[in-house]
């Protein structure tokens, strides 16, 4: 991976075009503002991975692009990422149009759909299923809700009509929900999932404050061993909301996208005294060269955490030095989890003030 830092008008224009592809997919309040949009510096991740393009105030953009590209230099994973800092409007993007199997990062989509379609009023049974889906990463509970949010087709698998309605309302235009019960094969993009985090923070006006607090409250109660990925490198004491997914396909060696390699995805909102950002990293084709496919899980987690640490390293260099300590550790898929697919979810929760400000509280 070759890395280039530049201020030339031509390179800046190219990076801005990529950054705009992310900006077009974000709510207005997350787009670059003022000085953040004045200077764009770029780093090239090589022809296989594309260009990491960051937009921020002078100096920070170059550090972000340089460090993120460096973190991906020797990785064989196929990667897409989207990052937005809310206080400054800074953004980074890589491969914004690439689509990936969601695995369990689709579960926040299901929860958002449920709250949106029920106008925030859930039945006791729905609350039980929603809690199992998020807190325990229960696929059976997710499948039940997915069916309830779908419509039977005249022929073939059912159609997730309510999910599609929520995606349309949220302007998650590049997400394609899977038909039938294979919810984990929903195709997603990093900017669309970043938009979903914006919805949970109060963007787009789709969910009322009690619904957002409820959703983030569930994310606060998840299992302790499922906190890894996008929060890596966050400052000590930062409040973190994270949802992860992993999926190993069926080892069909004749399909280059289905060789038994791992798909590792992670999305997080992070807030501390001097940072307030959302990060989504999607990866696939995770395999350790010359090693069994099962080792690709840890390889993919390391790819995601390398990006997250690079972001926090650049931010630390730009402002007060918070010793970045990973908010979660990588490891094996949780024992007893569903074979091939599970989710790792969040530390942290949220309390939304009446005025609509985002106040995150410390997780348990």
Protein backbone atom coordinates (compact mmCIF):
# COMPACT_ATOMS: atom_id res chain seq x y z
CA UNK A 1 0.00 0.00 0.00
CA UNK A 2 1.51 3.30 -1.05
CA UNK A 3 0.69 6.32 1.08
CA UNK A 4 0.73 9.88 -0.19
CA UNK A 5 0.08 13.09 1.68
CA UNK A 6 -0.67 16.01 -0.57
CA UNK A 7 -2.07 19.51 -0.71
CA UNK A 8 -2.09 19.82 -4.48
CA UNK A 9 -5.37 21.10 -5.97
CA UNK A 10 -5.74 18.03 -8.18
CA UNK A 11 -5.27 15.53 -5.34
CA UNK A 12 -7.48 17.59 -3.04
CA UNK A 13 -10.21 17.60 -5.66
CA UNK A 14 -10.03 13.84 -6.02
CA UNK A 15 -10.21 13.32 -2.27
CA UNK A 16 -13.08 15.78 -1.98
CA UNK A 17 -15.03 13.80 -4.58
CA UNK A 18 -14.65 10.68 -2.46
CA UNK A 19 -15.47 12.53 0.75
CA UNK A 20 -18.58 13.97 -0.89
CA UNK A 21 -19.76 10.46 -1.67
CA UNK A 22 -19.80 9.95 2.09
CA UNK A 23 -21.20 13.38 2.85
CA UNK A 24 -24.13 12.76 0.53
CA UNK A 25 -24.98 9.71 2.60
CA UNK A 26 -24.86 11.49 5.96
CA UNK A 27 -27.39 13.69 7.72
CA UNK A 28 -26.82 17.41 7.20
CA UNK A 29 -25.52 17.91 10.73
CA UNK A 30 -22.76 15.34 10.14
CA UNK A 31 -21.43 16.93 6.95
CA UNK A 32 -18.17 18.89 7.14
CA UNK A 33 -18.68 22.43 8.41
CA UNK A 34 -16.58 25.57 8.27
CA UNK A 35 -12.82 25.04 8.67
CA UNK A 36 -13.19 21.25 8.57
CA UNK A 37 -13.99 21.39 4.86
CA UNK A 38 -11.25 23.85 3.96
CA UNK A 39 -8.34 21.44 3.46
CA UNK A 40 -8.39 17.84 2.25
CA UNK A 41 -5.31 15.61 2.35
CA UNK A 42 -5.21 12.09 1.02
CA UNK A 43 -3.47 8.75 1.44
CA UNK A 44 -3.65 6.02 -1.17
CA UNK A 45 -4.32 2.48 0.01
CA UNK A 46 -3.36 0.79 -3.29
CA UNK A 47 -5.45 -0.28 -6.29
CA UNK A 48 -7.06 -3.19 -4.42
CA UNK A 49 -8.38 -1.07 -1.56
CA UNK A 50 -8.94 2.34 -3.11
CA UNK A 51 -8.30 5.69 -1.46
CA UNK A 52 -8.76 6.67 2.15
CA UNK A 53 -10.13 10.21 1.87
CA UNK A 54 -10.48 12.41 4.93
CA UNK A 55 -11.87 15.93 5.23
CA UNK A 56 -10.90 17.98 8.27
CA UNK A 57 -9.13 21.13 9.33
CA UNK A 58 -5.55 21.67 8.27
CA UNK A 59 -3.25 18.93 9.54
CA UNK A 60 -5.83 16.55 11.00
CA UNK A 61 -7.04 15.35 7.59
CA UNK A 62 -3.55 14.30 6.61
CA UNK A 63 -2.90 12.50 9.88
CA UNK A 64 -6.18 10.63 9.69
CA UNK A 65 -5.73 9.53 6.09
CA UNK A 66 -2.07 8.63 6.66
CA UNK A 67 -2.71 6.60 9.81
CA UNK A 68 -5.79 4.76 8.52
CA UNK A 69 -4.08 3.88 5.23
CA UNK A 70 -1.05 2.72 7.21
CA UNK A 71 -3.21 0.45 9.36
CA UNK A 72 -4.51 -1.24 6.19
CA UNK A 73 -1.17 -1.38 4.36
CA UNK A 74 -0.50 -5.08 4.84
CA UNK A 75 -4.05 -6.34 5.36
CA UNK A 76 -5.61 -8.74 2.86
CA UNK A 77 -9.14 -7.98 4.02
CA UNK A 78 -11.60 -6.26 1.69
CA UNK A 79 -12.55 -3.14 3.65
CA UNK A 80 -14.99 -0.25 3.62
CA UNK A 81 -15.22 2.40 6.32
CA UNK A 82 -17.09 5.56 7.17
CA UNK A 83 -16.27 7.90 10.05
CA UNK A 84 -17.77 11.22 11.16
CA UNK A 85 -16.80 13.52 14.05
CA UNK A 86 -19.77 15.57 15.19
CA UNK A 87 -18.07 18.49 16.91
CA UNK A 88 -15.88 19.45 13.96
CA UNK A 89 -17.65 17.87 10.98
CA UNK A 90 -14.52 15.90 10.05
CA UNK A 91 -15.06 12.74 7.93
CA UNK A 92 -13.14 9.80 6.51
CA UNK A 93 -14.26 7.28 3.92
CA UNK A 94 -12.95 4.24 2.08
CA UNK A 95 -14.97 2.32 -0.50
CA UNK A 96 -18.33 3.92 0.33
CA UNK A 97 -20.20 2.11 -2.47
CA UNK A 98 -18.97 -1.37 -1.54
CA UNK A 99 -21.64 -3.72 -0.19
CA UNK A 100 -21.19 -6.48 2.39
CA UNK A 101 -23.22 -9.18 4.08
CA UNK A 102 -24.41 -7.56 7.29
CA UNK A 103 -24.25 -10.57 9.62
CA UNK A 104 -25.49 -9.32 12.99
CA UNK A 105 -24.96 -5.61 12.40
CA UNK A 106 -28.39 -5.89 10.79
CA UNK A 107 -29.90 -6.30 14.27
CA UNK A 108 -29.89 -2.55 15.04
CA UNK A 109 -31.76 -2.15 11.73
CA UNK A 110 -34.37 -4.62 12.95
CA UNK A 111 -34.67 -2.80 16.27
CA UNK A 112 -34.96 0.57 14.54
CA UNK A 113 -37.63 -0.81 12.22
CA UNK A 114 -39.58 -2.25 15.15
CA UNK A 115 -39.56 1.04 17.09
CA UNK A 116 -40.37 3.09 13.98
CA UNK A 117 -43.19 0.86 12.77
CA UNK A 118 -44.76 0.61 16.25
CA UNK A 119 -44.36 4.35 16.95
CA UNK A 120 -42.25 3.46 19.97
CA UNK A 121 -44.94 1.35 21.65
CA UNK A 122 -43.91 -2.31 21.85
CA UNK A 123 -45.91 -5.21 23.22
CA UNK A 124 -44.47 -7.17 26.17
CA UNK A 125 -43.60 -9.99 23.78
CA UNK A 126 -41.83 -7.62 21.40
CA UNK A 127 -39.83 -6.18 24.28
CA UNK A 128 -38.78 -9.66 25.32
CA UNK A 129 -37.70 -10.54 21.78
CA UNK A 130 -35.92 -7.20 21.29
CA UNK A 131 -33.99 -7.68 24.50
CA UNK A 132 -32.91 -11.19 23.51
CA UNK A 133 -31.92 -9.94 20.04
CA UNK A 134 -29.68 -7.14 21.30
CA UNK A 135 -28.54 -8.23 24.76
CA UNK A 136 -28.07 -11.94 24.03
CA UNK A 137 -27.61 -11.69 20.25
CA UNK A 138 -30.30 -14.30 19.90
CA UNK A 139 -30.81 -15.23 16.27
CA UNK A 140 -34.09 -17.04 16.95
CA UNK A 141 -35.54 -13.85 18.48
CA UNK A 142 -34.27 -11.85 15.52
CA UNK A 143 -35.84 -14.29 13.07
CA UNK A 144 -39.18 -14.00 14.87
CA UNK A 145 -39.13 -10.20 14.69
CA UNK A 146 -37.94 -10.31 11.06
CA UNK A 147 -40.93 -12.50 10.18
CA UNK A 148 -43.29 -10.14 12.02
CA UNK A 149 -41.88 -7.24 9.98
CA UNK A 150 -42.25 -9.12 6.68
CA UNK A 151 -45.11 -9.79 4.29
CA UNK A 152 -45.85 -13.15 2.70
CA UNK A 153 -45.18 -13.23 -1.03
CA UNK A 154 -47.46 -14.82 -3.62
CA UNK A 155 -44.59 -17.15 -4.35
CA UNK A 156 -41.11 -17.52 -2.94
CA UNK A 157 -39.68 -16.11 0.30
CA UNK A 158 -41.44 -13.44 2.35
CA UNK A 159 -40.61 -9.76 1.77
CA UNK A 160 -39.34 -7.61 4.69
CA UNK A 161 -41.69 -4.75 3.82
CA UNK A 162 -41.48 -2.90 7.15
CA UNK A 163 -37.68 -3.09 7.12
CA UNK A 164 -37.64 -1.62 3.62
CA UNK A 165 -40.00 1.14 4.76
CA UNK A 166 -37.64 2.07 7.60
CA UNK A 167 -34.61 2.00 5.30
CA UNK A 168 -36.39 4.32 2.87
CA UNK A 169 -37.41 6.73 5.64
CA UNK A 170 -33.85 6.74 6.98
CA UNK A 171 -32.40 7.29 3.47
CA UNK A 172 -30.36 4.10 3.82
CA UNK A 173 -30.70 3.75 0.07
CA UNK A 174 -27.92 1.23 -0.55
CA UNK A 175 -29.04 -1.35 2.01
CA UNK A 176 -30.84 -4.36 0.50
CA UNK A 177 -32.74 -6.48 3.04
CA UNK A 178 -32.62 -10.22 2.49
CA UNK A 179 -35.88 -11.99 1.68
CA UNK A 180 -37.12 -14.90 3.75
CA UNK A 181 -35.47 -15.51 7.12
CA UNK A 182 -31.80 -15.04 6.14
CA UNK A 183 -31.64 -11.60 7.76
CA UNK A 184 -27.86 -11.79 8.18
CA UNK A 185 -27.39 -11.79 4.39
CA UNK A 186 -28.86 -8.29 4.12
CA UNK A 187 -26.42 -6.23 2.04
CA UNK A 188 -25.17 -3.07 3.73
CA UNK A 189 -22.74 -0.20 3.14
CA UNK A 190 -20.61 1.64 5.69
CA UNK A 191 -22.27 5.05 5.04
CA UNK A 192 -25.74 3.54 5.46
CA UNK A 193 -24.82 2.06 8.84
CA UNK A 194 -23.27 5.37 9.83
CA UNK A 195 -26.62 6.93 9.02
CA UNK A 196 -28.29 4.38 11.31
CA UNK A 197 -26.06 5.51 14.16
CA UNK A 198 -27.20 9.05 13.38
CA UNK A 199 -30.82 7.88 13.72
CA UNK A 200 -30.04 6.44 17.14
CA UNK A 201 -28.44 9.76 18.09
CA UNK A 202 -31.56 11.64 17.02
CA UNK A 203 -30.91 12.36 13.35
CA UNK A 204 -33.68 12.35 10.72
CA UNK A 205 -36.36 12.63 13.39
CA UNK A 206 -37.45 9.02 12.85
CA UNK A 207 -37.39 7.89 16.49
CA UNK A 208 -38.58 9.85 19.50
CA UNK A 209 -36.36 10.34 22.55
CA UNK A 210 -37.86 7.45 24.57
CA UNK A 211 -37.34 5.07 21.65
CA UNK A 212 -33.72 6.13 21.22
CA UNK A 213 -33.07 5.80 24.95
CA UNK A 214 -34.70 2.37 24.93
CA UNK A 215 -32.59 1.13 22.01
CA UNK A 216 -29.34 2.41 23.45
CA UNK A 217 -30.31 1.11 26.86
CA UNK A 218 -30.55 -2.41 25.44
CA UNK A 219 -27.13 -1.93 23.90
CA UNK A 220 -25.81 -1.01 27.33
CA UNK A 221 -26.78 -4.40 28.75
CA UNK A 222 -25.05 -6.76 26.34
CA UNK A 223 -22.59 -9.45 27.31
CA UNK A 224 -19.17 -8.26 28.40
CA UNK A 225 -17.33 -10.62 26.04
CA UNK A 226 -18.90 -9.03 22.98
CA UNK A 227 -17.20 -5.63 23.15
CA UNK A 228 -14.47 -5.33 20.54
CA UNK A 229 -13.85 -3.76 17.14
CA UNK A 230 -14.67 -0.13 16.39
CA UNK A 231 -14.19 1.10 20.00
CA UNK A 232 -10.51 0.04 20.00
CA UNK A 233 -8.19 2.85 21.04
CA UNK A 234 -10.97 5.00 22.50
CA UNK A 235 -9.87 7.22 25.40
CA UNK A 236 -10.04 5.79 28.89
CA UNK A 237 -13.52 6.39 30.28
CA UNK A 238 -15.14 7.09 26.91
CA UNK A 239 -18.81 6.19 26.54
CA UNK A 240 -19.19 3.62 23.78
CA UNK A 241 -22.07 2.08 21.85
CA UNK A 242 -20.98 -0.78 19.63
CA UNK A 243 -22.65 -3.43 17.51
CA UNK A 244 -20.60 -6.10 15.80
CA UNK A 245 -21.33 -8.99 13.47
CA UNK A 246 -19.38 -11.93 12.14
CA UNK A 247 -20.20 -14.54 9.59
CA UNK A 248 -18.33 -17.48 8.07
CA UNK A 249 -19.81 -18.58 4.78
CA UNK A 250 -20.31 -22.17 3.70
CA UNK A 251 -16.84 -23.02 2.37
CA UNK A 252 -17.87 -23.30 -1.26
CA UNK A 253 -14.39 -23.15 -2.72
CA UNK A 254 -15.60 -22.44 -6.26
CA UNK A 255 -17.06 -19.09 -5.15
CA UNK A 256 -14.39 -16.47 -4.49
CA UNK A 257 -16.75 -14.67 -2.07
CA UNK A 258 -17.68 -17.87 -0.22
CA UNK A 259 -14.49 -19.75 0.62
CA UNK A 260 -15.12 -20.06 4.34
CA UNK A 261 -13.39 -16.75 4.98
CA UNK A 262 -14.76 -14.57 7.76
CA UNK A 263 -16.82 -11.43 7.34
CA UNK A 264 -16.19 -9.13 10.33
CA UNK A 265 -18.20 -5.92 10.77
CA UNK A 266 -18.25 -3.31 13.52
CA UNK A 267 -20.05 -0.02 14.17
CA UNK A 268 -19.70 2.28 17.18
CA UNK A 269 -20.55 5.70 18.55
CA UNK A 270 -17.88 7.08 20.89
CA UNK A 271 -18.10 10.15 23.13
CA UNK A 272 -15.54 11.50 25.58
CA UNK A 273 -14.51 14.89 26.93
CA UNK A 274 -13.00 15.90 23.59
CA UNK A 275 -14.36 13.40 21.03
CA UNK A 276 -17.79 12.66 19.62
CA UNK A 277 -17.69 10.39 16.60
CA UNK A 278 -19.26 7.43 14.82
CA UNK A 279 -17.23 4.75 13.03
CA UNK A 280 -18.30 1.85 10.82
CA UNK A 281 -15.83 -0.70 9.45
CA UNK A 282 -16.97 -3.56 7.21
CA UNK A 283 -14.61 -6.35 6.14
CA UNK A 284 -14.64 -9.66 4.30
CA UNK A 285 -12.21 -12.16 2.79
CA UNK A 286 -10.49 -12.37 6.17
CA UNK A 287 -8.02 -15.23 6.10
CA UNK A 288 -4.50 -15.72 7.43
CA UNK A 289 -2.44 -16.75 4.40
CA UNK A 290 -1.41 -20.39 4.66
CA UNK A 291 -3.53 -20.99 7.77
CA UNK A 292 -6.96 -22.58 8.35
CA UNK A 293 -9.98 -20.44 7.53
CA UNK A 294 -11.05 -20.42 11.19
CA UNK A 295 -8.14 -18.09 11.97
CA UNK A 296 -9.71 -15.46 9.74
CA UNK A 297 -12.01 -14.38 12.59
CA UNK A 298 -9.18 -12.93 14.67
CA UNK A 299 -7.56 -11.57 11.50
CA UNK A 300 -10.72 -9.62 10.66
CA UNK A 301 -11.09 -8.29 14.20
CA UNK A 302 -7.48 -7.11 14.06
CA UNK A 303 -8.18 -5.33 10.76
CA UNK A 304 -11.15 -3.48 12.25
CA UNK A 305 -9.30 -2.58 15.45
CA UNK A 306 -6.30 -1.38 13.49
CA UNK A 307 -8.51 1.19 11.76
CA UNK A 308 -10.14 2.26 15.03
CA UNK A 309 -6.80 2.69 16.77
CA UNK A 310 -5.47 4.69 13.83
CA UNK A 311 -8.40 7.11 14.07
CA UNK A 312 -7.87 7.61 17.78
CA UNK A 313 -4.11 7.97 17.37
CA UNK A 314 -4.63 10.78 14.87
CA UNK A 315 -7.18 12.48 17.12
CA UNK A 316 -4.87 12.21 20.13
CA UNK A 317 -2.07 13.86 18.16
CA UNK A 318 -4.45 16.64 17.18
CA UNK A 319 -5.62 17.55 20.68
CA UNK A 320 -5.22 16.72 24.36
CA UNK A 321 -3.37 13.43 24.66
CA UNK A 322 -5.77 10.82 25.98
CA UNK A 323 -3.95 7.55 26.34
CA UNK A 324 -5.98 5.40 23.98
CA UNK A 325 -6.96 2.19 25.69
CA UNK A 326 -9.06 -0.34 23.83
CA UNK A 327 -12.58 -0.40 25.16
CA UNK A 328 -12.76 -4.06 24.26
CA UNK A 329 -10.50 -6.95 23.47
CA UNK A 330 -10.44 -9.18 20.43
CA UNK A 331 -10.76 -12.87 20.88
CA UNK A 332 -12.61 -15.96 19.87
CA UNK A 333 -16.28 -16.00 18.92
CA UNK A 334 -18.23 -16.28 22.20
CA UNK A 335 -18.67 -19.84 23.40
CA UNK A 336 -22.16 -21.09 22.82
CA UNK A 337 -22.91 -18.49 20.17
CA UNK A 338 -24.69 -19.37 16.94
CA UNK A 339 -22.49 -21.27 14.51
CA UNK A 340 -21.15 -19.01 11.80
CA UNK A 341 -22.91 -15.82 12.83
CA UNK A 342 -23.24 -13.82 15.97
CA UNK A 343 -23.07 -10.25 17.16
CA UNK A 344 -21.03 -8.32 19.60
CA UNK A 345 -22.74 -5.31 21.03
CA UNK A 346 -22.17 -2.39 23.19
CA UNK A 347 -20.81 -0.89 26.27
CA UNK A 348 -22.58 2.36 26.98
CA UNK A 349 -26.04 3.81 26.74
CA UNK A 350 -27.73 7.12 26.18
CA UNK A 351 -29.94 9.65 27.84
CA UNK A 352 -31.39 12.21 25.44
CA UNK A 353 -32.06 15.68 26.82
CA UNK A 354 -35.33 17.44 26.09
CA UNK A 355 -33.54 19.86 23.79
CA UNK A 356 -32.28 16.97 21.69
CA UNK A 357 -28.63 17.06 22.77
CA UNK A 358 -26.86 13.71 22.87
CA UNK A 359 -25.76 12.94 26.43
CA UNK A 360 -24.15 9.52 26.72
CA UNK A 361 -23.89 7.86 30.08
CA UNK A 362 -21.30 5.40 31.32
CA UNK A 363 -22.13 1.79 30.55
CA UNK A 364 -22.35 -0.85 33.23
